[in-house]
Amino acid sequence: MSLSQEDVKKVASLSRLALSEKELAQMQEHLGQILDYFEILQEVDTENVEPMAHAIELHNVFREDEIRESLPREEALANAPKTDGKYFLVPEILRQDK
């Protein structure tokens, strides 16, 4: 399938690309090759092929959600810059003055 230079100019305009005459000629050739490849793909019989969301099969990569012991408070606070022994202490960021 061949594209006219006007077709390429329209695609470039829609893509907000400013192409020189040389670039237009190159894009005309490249886009034509891509469309030719799609024409070849149209010949493939896909009648009994189920649609798929991904080209390869994906599996859930997340671990099972299991109940486990949490980190002891002392360990969690061990590297904190400031604590009161029970909580992290952080600088006050928002203040509501009345």
C-alpha atoms as a PDB file:
ATOM      1  CA  MET A   1       0.000   0.000   0.000  1.00  0.00           C
ATOM      2  CA  SER A   2       1.471   3.313  -0.945  1.00  0.00           C
ATOM      3  CA  LEU A   3       0.887   6.552   0.849  1.00  0.00           C
ATOM      4  CA  SER A   4       0.778   9.882  -0.875  1.00  0.00           C
ATOM      5  CA  GLN A   5       2.918  12.717   0.358  1.00  0.00           C
ATOM      6  CA  GLU A   6      -0.310  14.476   1.341  1.00  0.00           C
ATOM      7  CA  ASP A   7      -1.192  11.526   3.607  1.00  0.00           C
ATOM      8  CA  VAL A   8       2.196  11.794   5.297  1.00  0.00           C
ATOM      9  CA  LYS A   9       1.825  15.568   5.680  1.00  0.00           C
ATOM     10  CA  LYS A  10      -1.558  15.030   7.344  1.00  0.00           C
ATOM     11  CA  VAL A  11      -0.143  12.433   9.773  1.00  0.00           C
ATOM     12  CA  ALA A  12       2.785  14.745  10.539  1.00  0.00           C
ATOM     13  CA  SER A  13       0.388  17.621  11.149  1.00  0.00           C
ATOM     14  CA  LEU A  14      -1.768  15.519  13.478  1.00  0.00           C
ATOM     15  CA  SER A  15       1.419  14.518  15.321  1.00  0.00           C
ATOM     16  CA  ARG A  16       2.519  18.158  15.430  1.00  0.00           C
ATOM     17  CA  LEU A  17       5.726  17.346  13.569  1.00  0.00           C
ATOM     18  CA  ALA A  18       7.406  19.759  11.204  1.00  0.00           C
ATOM     19  CA  LEU A  19       9.111  17.639   8.555  1.00  0.00           C
ATOM     20  CA  SER A  20      11.407  18.788   5.781  1.00  0.00           C
ATOM     21  CA  GLU A  21      10.841  17.587   2.220  1.00  0.00           C
ATOM     22  CA  LYS A  22      13.604  14.989   2.694  1.00  0.00           C
ATOM     23  CA  GLU A  23      12.021  13.766   5.940  1.00  0.00           C
ATOM     24  CA  LEU A  24       8.604  13.617   4.271  1.00  0.00           C
ATOM     25  CA  ALA A  25      10.017  11.376   1.547  1.00  0.00           C
ATOM     26  CA  GLN A  26      11.681   9.125   4.141  1.00  0.00           C
ATOM     27  CA  MET A  27       8.502   8.892   6.221  1.00  0.00           C
ATOM     28  CA  GLN A  28       6.468   8.165   3.110  1.00  0.00           C
ATOM     29  CA  GLU A  29       8.733   5.182   2.406  1.00  0.00           C
ATOM     30  CA  HIS A  30       8.864   3.956   6.028  1.00  0.00           C
ATOM     31  CA  LEU A  31       5.130   4.279   6.640  1.00  0.00           C
ATOM     32  CA  GLY A  32       4.452   2.554   3.322  1.00  0.00           C
ATOM     33  CA  GLN A  33       6.632  -0.383   4.425  1.00  0.00           C
ATOM     34  CA  ILE A  34       4.754  -0.627   7.712  1.00  0.00           C
ATOM     35  CA  LEU A  35       1.401  -0.668   5.912  1.00  0.00           C
ATOM     36  CA  ASP A  36       2.719  -3.307   3.485  1.00  0.00           C
ATOM     37  CA  TYR A  37       3.616  -5.479   6.469  1.00  0.00           C
ATOM     38  CA  PHE A  38       0.098  -5.066   7.869  1.00  0.00           C
ATOM     39  CA  GLU A  39      -1.295  -6.227   4.538  1.00  0.00           C
ATOM     40  CA  ILE A  40       0.785  -9.419   4.884  1.00  0.00           C
ATOM     41  CA  LEU A  41      -0.555  -9.890   8.418  1.00  0.00           C
ATOM     42  CA  GLN A  42      -4.131  -9.549   7.106  1.00  0.00           C
ATOM     43  CA  GLU A  43      -3.601 -12.819   5.196  1.00  0.00           C
ATOM     44  CA  VAL A  44      -3.065 -14.816   8.414  1.00  0.00           C
ATOM     45  CA  ASP A  45      -6.063 -16.939   9.385  1.00  0.00           C
ATOM     46  CA  THR A  46      -7.093 -15.844  12.898  1.00  0.00           C
ATOM     47  CA  GLU A  47     -10.569 -17.384  12.850  1.00  0.00           C
ATOM     48  CA  ASN A  48      -9.963 -19.778  15.765  1.00  0.00           C
ATOM     49  CA  VAL A  49      -7.555 -17.586  17.730  1.00  0.00           C
ATOM     50  CA  GLU A  50      -8.865 -16.131  20.970  1.00  0.00           C
ATOM     51  CA  PRO A  51      -8.182 -12.447  21.577  1.00  0.00           C
ATOM     52  CA  MET A  52      -5.557 -11.774  24.214  1.00  0.00           C
ATOM     53  CA  ALA A  53      -4.487  -8.797  26.277  1.00  0.00           C
ATOM     54  CA  HIS A  54      -0.785  -9.699  26.249  1.00  0.00           C
ATOM     55  CA  ALA A  55       1.486 -11.455  23.789  1.00  0.00           C
ATOM     56  CA  ILE A  56       2.842 -13.714  26.522  1.00  0.00           C
ATOM     57  CA  GLU A  57       0.997 -15.352  29.381  1.00  0.00           C
ATOM     58  CA  LEU A  58       1.244 -13.389  32.614  1.00  0.00           C
ATOM     59  CA  HIS A  59       1.061 -14.806  36.107  1.00  0.00           C
ATOM     60  CA  ASN A  60       0.386 -13.021  39.355  1.00  0.00           C
ATOM     61  CA  VAL A  61       3.798 -12.028  40.703  1.00  0.00           C
ATOM     62  CA  PHE A  62       2.500 -10.922  44.095  1.00  0.00           C
ATOM     63  CA  ARG A  63       2.984 -13.086  47.145  1.00  0.00           C
ATOM     64  CA  GLU A  64       0.052 -14.558  48.974  1.00  0.00           C
ATOM     65  CA  ASP A  65      -1.491 -12.264  51.556  1.00  0.00           C
ATOM     66  CA  GLU A  66      -0.523 -14.042  54.761  1.00  0.00           C
ATOM     67  CA  ILE A  67      -0.880 -12.957  58.354  1.00  0.00           C
ATOM     68  CA  ARG A  68       2.545 -12.808  60.025  1.00  0.00           C
ATOM     69  CA  GLU A  69       4.160 -11.258  63.022  1.00  0.00           C
ATOM     70  CA  SER A  70       4.937  -7.595  62.542  1.00  0.00           C
ATOM     71  CA  LEU A  71       8.260  -5.943  63.248  1.00  0.00           C
ATOM     72  CA  PRO A  72       8.732  -5.276  66.962  1.00  0.00           C
ATOM     73  CA  ARG A  73       8.274  -1.599  67.853  1.00  0.00           C
ATOM     74  CA  GLU A  74      11.846  -1.293  69.167  1.00  0.00           C
ATOM     75  CA  GLU A  75      13.283  -2.537  65.859  1.00  0.00           C
ATOM     76  CA  ALA A  76      10.996  -0.291  63.816  1.00  0.00           C
ATOM     77  CA  LEU A  77      12.084   2.782  65.799  1.00  0.00           C
ATOM     78  CA  ALA A  78      15.765   1.792  66.047  1.00  0.00           C
ATOM     79  CA  ASN A  79      17.017   3.927  63.134  1.00  0.00           C
ATOM     80  CA  ALA A  80      14.541   6.786  63.469  1.00  0.00           C
ATOM     81  CA  PRO A  81      16.142  10.219  63.962  1.00  0.00           C
ATOM     82  CA  LYS A  82      13.648  11.083  66.721  1.00  0.00           C
ATOM     83  CA  THR A  83      11.184   9.019  68.719  1.00  0.00           C
ATOM     84  CA  ASP A  84       9.410   9.217  72.028  1.00  0.00           C
ATOM     85  CA  GLY A  85       9.923   5.486  72.514  1.00  0.00           C
ATOM     86  CA  LYS A  86       6.469   4.730  71.168  1.00  0.00           C
ATOM     87  CA  TYR A  87       6.104   6.798  67.979  1.00  0.00           C
ATOM     88  CA  PHE A  88       8.216   8.477  65.294  1.00  0.00           C
ATOM     89  CA  LEU A  89       8.628  12.184  65.969  1.00  0.00           C
ATOM     90  CA  VAL A  90       8.480  14.368  62.875  1.00  0.00           C
ATOM     91  CA  PRO A  91       8.603  18.142  62.383  1.00  0.00           C
ATOM     92  CA  GLU A  92       5.288  19.944  62.559  1.00  0.00           C
ATOM     93  CA  ILE A  93       4.294  20.941  59.042  1.00  0.00           C
ATOM     94  CA  LEU A  94       0.718  22.163  59.283  1.00  0.00           C
ATOM     95  CA  ARG A  95      -0.437  24.323  62.108  1.00  0.00           C
ATOM     96  CA  GLN A  96      -3.922  25.530  62.847  1.00  0.00           C
ATOM     97  CA  ASP A  97      -3.848  28.796  64.735  1.00  0.00           C
ATOM     98  CA  LYS A  98      -7.087  29.780  66.369  1.00  0.00           C
END
